[in-house]
Every structure is written in structure tokens, then in C-alpha cells.
N, C-alpha and C. Protein backbone atom coordinates (compact mmCIF):
# COMPACT_ATOMS: atom_id res chain seq x y z
N MET A 1 207.13 -179.24 -39.43
CA MET A 1 208.44 -179.84 -39.41
C MET A 1 208.49 -180.92 -38.41
N ARG A 2 209.06 -182.10 -39.13
CA ARG A 2 209.15 -183.30 -38.34
C ARG A 2 210.54 -183.42 -37.66
N LEU A 3 210.77 -183.72 -36.40
CA LEU A 3 211.98 -183.94 -35.72
C LEU A 3 212.20 -185.47 -35.41
N ASP A 4 213.36 -185.69 -35.59
CA ASP A 4 213.90 -187.11 -35.29
C ASP A 4 214.99 -187.11 -34.18
N LEU A 5 214.62 -187.25 -33.05
CA LEU A 5 215.52 -187.23 -31.94
C LEU A 5 215.91 -188.51 -31.35
N SER A 6 216.11 -189.43 -32.25
CA SER A 6 216.33 -190.86 -31.79
C SER A 6 217.86 -191.10 -31.64
N SER A 7 218.69 -190.23 -32.41
CA SER A 7 220.25 -190.63 -32.44
C SER A 7 220.71 -190.27 -31.06
N LYS A 8 221.83 -190.99 -30.77
CA LYS A 8 222.54 -190.77 -29.43
C LYS A 8 223.00 -189.36 -29.35
N ARG A 9 223.49 -188.72 -30.38
CA ARG A 9 223.99 -187.34 -30.32
C ARG A 9 222.86 -186.52 -29.93
N ALA A 10 221.67 -186.60 -30.69
CA ALA A 10 220.51 -185.75 -30.41
C ALA A 10 220.02 -185.80 -28.98
N LYS A 11 219.86 -187.07 -28.60
CA LYS A 11 219.43 -187.27 -27.10
C LYS A 11 220.45 -186.78 -26.17
N LYS A 12 221.75 -186.84 -26.27
CA LYS A 12 222.72 -186.20 -25.58
C LYS A 12 222.61 -184.84 -25.42
N LEU A 13 222.59 -184.13 -26.57
CA LEU A 13 222.44 -182.48 -26.58
C LEU A 13 221.23 -182.14 -26.02
N VAL A 14 220.10 -182.98 -26.26
CA VAL A 14 218.83 -182.47 -25.58
C VAL A 14 218.96 -182.50 -24.06
N ARG A 15 219.60 -183.68 -23.68
CA ARG A 15 219.74 -183.80 -21.99
C ARG A 15 220.69 -182.64 -21.50
N GLU A 16 221.87 -182.66 -22.11
CA GLU A 16 222.78 -181.69 -21.65
C GLU A 16 222.48 -180.30 -21.57
N HIS A 17 221.72 -179.82 -22.76
CA HIS A 17 221.27 -178.39 -22.83
C HIS A 17 219.71 -178.27 -22.24
N GLU A 18 219.29 -179.23 -21.76
CA GLU A 18 217.83 -179.23 -21.37
C GLU A 18 216.95 -178.51 -22.51
N LEU A 19 217.06 -178.88 -23.88
CA LEU A 19 216.44 -178.35 -24.86
C LEU A 19 214.92 -178.56 -24.94
N THR A 20 214.15 -177.50 -25.16
CA THR A 20 212.76 -177.77 -25.38
C THR A 20 212.52 -178.08 -26.83
N GLU A 21 211.42 -178.47 -27.28
CA GLU A 21 211.04 -178.69 -28.67
C GLU A 21 211.11 -177.51 -29.46
N GLU A 22 210.57 -176.44 -28.84
CA GLU A 22 210.65 -175.03 -29.61
C GLU A 22 212.10 -174.56 -29.79
N GLU A 23 213.01 -174.82 -28.81
CA GLU A 23 214.40 -174.65 -29.20
C GLU A 23 214.98 -175.49 -30.15
N ILE A 24 214.62 -176.66 -30.14
CA ILE A 24 215.13 -177.58 -31.26
C ILE A 24 214.69 -177.11 -32.60
N LEU A 25 213.39 -176.72 -32.73
CA LEU A 25 212.76 -176.22 -33.94
C LEU A 25 213.57 -174.98 -34.40
N GLN A 26 213.86 -174.05 -33.63
CA GLN A 26 214.67 -172.92 -33.82
C GLN A 26 216.02 -173.21 -34.29
N ILE A 27 216.68 -174.14 -33.76
CA ILE A 27 218.04 -174.51 -34.23
C ILE A 27 218.02 -175.16 -35.64
N VAL A 28 217.04 -176.04 -35.80
CA VAL A 28 216.80 -176.61 -37.21
C VAL A 28 216.58 -175.61 -38.22
N ALA A 29 215.63 -174.65 -37.88
CA ALA A 29 215.27 -173.52 -38.88
C ALA A 29 216.45 -172.71 -39.23
N SER A 30 217.27 -172.31 -38.11
CA SER A 30 218.42 -171.42 -38.26
C SER A 30 219.49 -172.15 -39.18
N ALA A 31 219.66 -173.46 -38.72
CA ALA A 31 220.67 -174.14 -39.63
C ALA A 31 220.33 -174.29 -41.00
N ARG A 32 219.08 -174.48 -41.39
CA ARG A 32 218.71 -174.70 -42.76
C ARG A 32 218.84 -173.31 -43.34
N ILE A 33 218.49 -172.29 -42.91
CA ILE A 33 218.56 -170.94 -43.52
C ILE A 33 220.08 -170.66 -43.71
N ASN A 34 220.87 -170.85 -42.84
CA ASN A 34 222.41 -170.73 -43.01
C ASN A 34 222.86 -171.55 -44.07
N LEU A 35 222.59 -172.74 -44.04
CA LEU A 35 223.06 -173.64 -45.17
C LEU A 35 222.61 -173.13 -46.52
N ALA A 36 221.47 -172.77 -46.67
CA ALA A 36 220.93 -172.21 -47.76
C ALA A 36 221.67 -170.92 -48.29
N THR A 37 222.06 -170.23 -47.38
CA THR A 37 222.83 -168.92 -47.54
C THR A 37 224.23 -169.23 -48.18
N PHE A 38 224.91 -170.14 -47.59
CA PHE A 38 226.18 -170.38 -47.95
C PHE A 38 226.54 -171.63 -48.94
N ASP A 39 225.61 -172.62 -49.03
CA ASP A 39 225.84 -173.86 -49.90
C ASP A 39 224.82 -173.77 -51.07
N PRO A 40 225.19 -173.53 -52.31
CA PRO A 40 224.32 -173.28 -53.30
C PRO A 40 223.53 -174.66 -53.69
N GLU A 41 224.13 -175.79 -53.19
CA GLU A 41 223.52 -177.04 -53.51
C GLU A 41 222.36 -177.33 -52.49
N TYR A 42 222.28 -176.60 -51.29
CA TYR A 42 221.39 -176.91 -50.39
C TYR A 42 220.13 -175.95 -50.50
N ARG A 43 218.92 -176.44 -50.63
CA ARG A 43 217.64 -175.76 -50.97
C ARG A 43 216.88 -175.88 -49.67
N THR A 44 216.23 -174.56 -49.47
CA THR A 44 215.23 -174.59 -48.44
C THR A 44 214.22 -173.60 -48.66
N ASN A 45 213.15 -173.70 -48.04
CA ASN A 45 211.89 -172.83 -48.34
C ASN A 45 211.60 -171.96 -47.12
N VAL A 46 212.09 -170.83 -47.06
CA VAL A 46 211.95 -169.95 -45.85
C VAL A 46 210.47 -169.83 -45.39
N THR A 47 209.76 -169.58 -46.38
CA THR A 47 208.24 -169.35 -46.34
C THR A 47 207.61 -170.69 -45.74
N GLN A 48 207.90 -171.78 -46.18
CA GLN A 48 207.48 -172.97 -45.48
C GLN A 48 207.89 -173.21 -44.16
N ILE A 49 209.20 -172.86 -43.76
CA ILE A 49 209.59 -173.01 -42.42
C ILE A 49 208.91 -171.97 -41.50
N ALA A 50 208.58 -170.75 -42.06
CA ALA A 50 207.98 -169.87 -41.22
C ALA A 50 206.41 -170.20 -41.01
N ASP A 51 205.92 -170.87 -42.06
CA ASP A 51 204.51 -171.37 -41.86
C ASP A 51 204.45 -172.44 -40.90
N ASP A 52 205.30 -173.43 -41.11
CA ASP A 52 205.32 -174.64 -40.12
C ASP A 52 205.61 -174.25 -38.66
N LEU A 53 206.24 -173.24 -38.43
CA LEU A 53 206.57 -172.67 -37.02
C LEU A 53 205.63 -171.70 -36.61
N ALA A 54 204.79 -171.20 -37.51
CA ALA A 54 203.81 -170.04 -37.19
C ALA A 54 204.63 -168.86 -36.81
N LYS A 55 205.68 -168.50 -37.55
CA LYS A 55 206.55 -167.34 -37.17
C LYS A 55 206.56 -166.63 -38.50
N SER A 56 207.07 -165.32 -38.48
CA SER A 56 207.31 -164.58 -39.63
C SER A 56 208.69 -164.85 -40.27
N ARG A 57 208.80 -164.70 -41.59
CA ARG A 57 210.08 -164.83 -42.25
C ARG A 57 211.17 -163.98 -41.54
N PRO A 58 210.87 -162.73 -41.18
CA PRO A 58 211.82 -161.92 -40.50
C PRO A 58 212.34 -162.55 -39.14
N THR A 59 211.52 -163.21 -38.49
CA THR A 59 211.70 -163.89 -37.16
C THR A 59 212.68 -165.05 -37.54
N ILE A 60 212.40 -165.76 -38.53
CA ILE A 60 213.21 -166.95 -38.91
C ILE A 60 214.69 -166.47 -39.19
N TYR A 61 214.66 -165.47 -40.09
CA TYR A 61 215.96 -164.85 -40.52
C TYR A 61 216.76 -164.38 -39.35
N GLY A 62 216.06 -163.65 -38.41
CA GLY A 62 216.64 -163.10 -37.13
C GLY A 62 217.28 -164.25 -36.36
N TRP A 63 216.58 -165.54 -36.21
CA TRP A 63 217.24 -166.55 -35.47
C TRP A 63 218.48 -166.97 -36.21
N ALA A 64 218.37 -167.14 -37.54
CA ALA A 64 219.46 -167.66 -38.37
C ALA A 64 220.68 -166.64 -38.17
N ASP A 65 220.38 -165.36 -38.25
CA ASP A 65 221.55 -164.32 -38.03
C ASP A 65 222.13 -164.52 -36.63
N ARG A 66 221.43 -164.70 -35.67
CA ARG A 66 221.93 -164.67 -34.38
C ARG A 66 222.77 -165.92 -34.17
N ALA A 67 222.28 -167.12 -34.75
CA ALA A 67 222.97 -168.35 -34.61
C ALA A 67 224.32 -168.33 -35.27
N LEU A 68 224.21 -167.72 -36.55
CA LEU A 68 225.50 -167.52 -37.19
C LEU A 68 226.52 -166.72 -36.50
N ALA A 69 226.04 -165.58 -36.02
CA ALA A 69 226.99 -164.73 -35.18
C ALA A 69 227.51 -165.42 -34.02
N ALA A 70 226.74 -166.30 -33.36
CA ALA A 70 227.31 -167.17 -32.28
C ALA A 70 228.33 -168.07 -32.75
N THR A 71 228.03 -168.64 -33.76
CA THR A 71 228.86 -169.65 -34.51
C THR A 71 230.36 -168.97 -34.74
N ILE A 72 230.13 -167.76 -35.49
CA ILE A 72 231.43 -167.16 -35.83
C ILE A 72 232.24 -166.69 -34.66
N HIS A 73 231.55 -166.18 -33.68
CA HIS A 73 232.23 -165.82 -32.45
C HIS A 73 233.02 -167.00 -31.81
N SER A 74 232.03 -168.03 -31.74
CA SER A 74 232.84 -169.36 -31.20
C SER A 74 234.09 -169.89 -31.89
N LEU A 75 233.93 -169.89 -33.24
CA LEU A 75 234.90 -170.40 -34.09
C LEU A 75 236.26 -169.44 -33.94
N ARG A 76 236.01 -168.20 -33.78
CA ARG A 76 237.09 -167.30 -33.77
C ARG A 76 237.83 -167.38 -32.47
N ASN A 77 237.10 -167.97 -31.48
CA ASN A 77 237.72 -167.97 -30.09
C ASN A 77 238.25 -169.45 -29.65
N ILE A 78 238.21 -170.34 -30.61
CA ILE A 78 238.58 -171.72 -30.41
C ILE A 78 240.30 -171.69 -30.50
N ARG A 79 240.91 -172.07 -29.55
CA ARG A 79 242.38 -172.14 -29.48
C ARG A 79 242.66 -173.37 -30.41
N THR A 80 243.73 -173.20 -31.20
CA THR A 80 244.20 -174.24 -32.07
C THR A 80 245.42 -174.83 -31.49
N GLY A 81 245.61 -176.00 -31.80
CA GLY A 81 246.94 -176.78 -31.40
C GLY A 81 246.86 -177.24 -29.89
N ARG A 82 247.85 -177.80 -29.48
CA ARG A 82 248.03 -178.35 -28.18
C ARG A 82 248.22 -177.21 -27.11
N PRO A 83 247.53 -177.56 -25.97
CA PRO A 83 247.67 -176.47 -25.01
C PRO A 83 249.28 -176.64 -24.62
N PRO A 84 249.81 -175.46 -23.99
CA PRO A 84 251.14 -175.54 -23.63
C PRO A 84 251.40 -176.51 -22.35
N LYS A 85 252.52 -177.07 -22.33
CA LYS A 85 252.86 -177.92 -21.15
C LYS A 85 252.97 -177.03 -19.92
N GLU A 86 252.52 -177.57 -18.84
CA GLU A 86 252.58 -176.94 -17.48
C GLU A 86 254.10 -177.21 -16.90
N ARG A 87 254.63 -176.23 -16.23
CA ARG A 87 255.90 -176.26 -15.56
C ARG A 87 255.52 -176.60 -14.12
N ASP A 88 256.48 -177.44 -13.49
CA ASP A 88 256.42 -177.68 -12.07
C ASP A 88 257.11 -176.59 -11.42
N ARG A 89 257.20 -176.59 -10.05
CA ARG A 89 257.76 -175.51 -9.24
C ARG A 89 259.24 -175.26 -9.69
N ASN A 90 259.86 -176.17 -10.16
CA ASN A 90 261.33 -176.01 -10.45
C ASN A 90 261.53 -175.48 -11.89
N GLY A 91 260.42 -175.24 -12.56
CA GLY A 91 260.59 -174.81 -13.86
C GLY A 91 260.66 -175.79 -14.82
N ASP A 92 260.55 -177.01 -14.55
CA ASP A 92 260.68 -178.11 -15.44
C ASP A 92 259.21 -178.54 -16.07
N TYR A 93 259.28 -178.97 -17.35
CA TYR A 93 258.07 -179.35 -17.96
C TYR A 93 257.63 -180.71 -17.46
N SER A 94 256.27 -180.94 -17.29
CA SER A 94 255.88 -182.11 -16.91
C SER A 94 255.49 -183.04 -18.00
């Protein structure tokens, strides 16, 4: 699996999260599996991904399942809308 980490966003995420190449490969593999699961137009070959990473198919699916669970948890806990305005000591809104 070939990685292209030349974009500003990729560089920023690698730096901020101190990602290793192995972690990046896991992220990419998980994303591909989850896209293939929910997007019928996206195609991926799980066997090829597993072979490229020298991991088993169950391991690859396990990564994808854990990544999806974390994504679901995160999305369900994002507050929507604007945060409430803070009141000052007099009870007035700032």
C-alpha cells in the first residue's frame, strides 16, 4: 500500500497525533473497509489489503470495526448549534 503524506492536512495530522507509518496504514485500511461496507460505488479488496500489510482479514476487519465504533461515538457526542452565551455576574448576557 502506497501512502502519499505530502498534503498539508496529512502533515498536520501526522505531526499533531505523532502518527507512525503503521498507524497510518491501519487508518487507511479501516477507512477503505468501512467505505466499501456503506458505499456500494466504492470497491476494495480486503484480501489484498491484508496481504499488503501482512495481517489477517479478521485483523483488518477488527480495525475497521473499532474505527467505526469510535466514529459513531464521536459523532453522537458532538454538540450541534452555537454554544450558549455566558452570563456575567449580574446575570446579563455578554
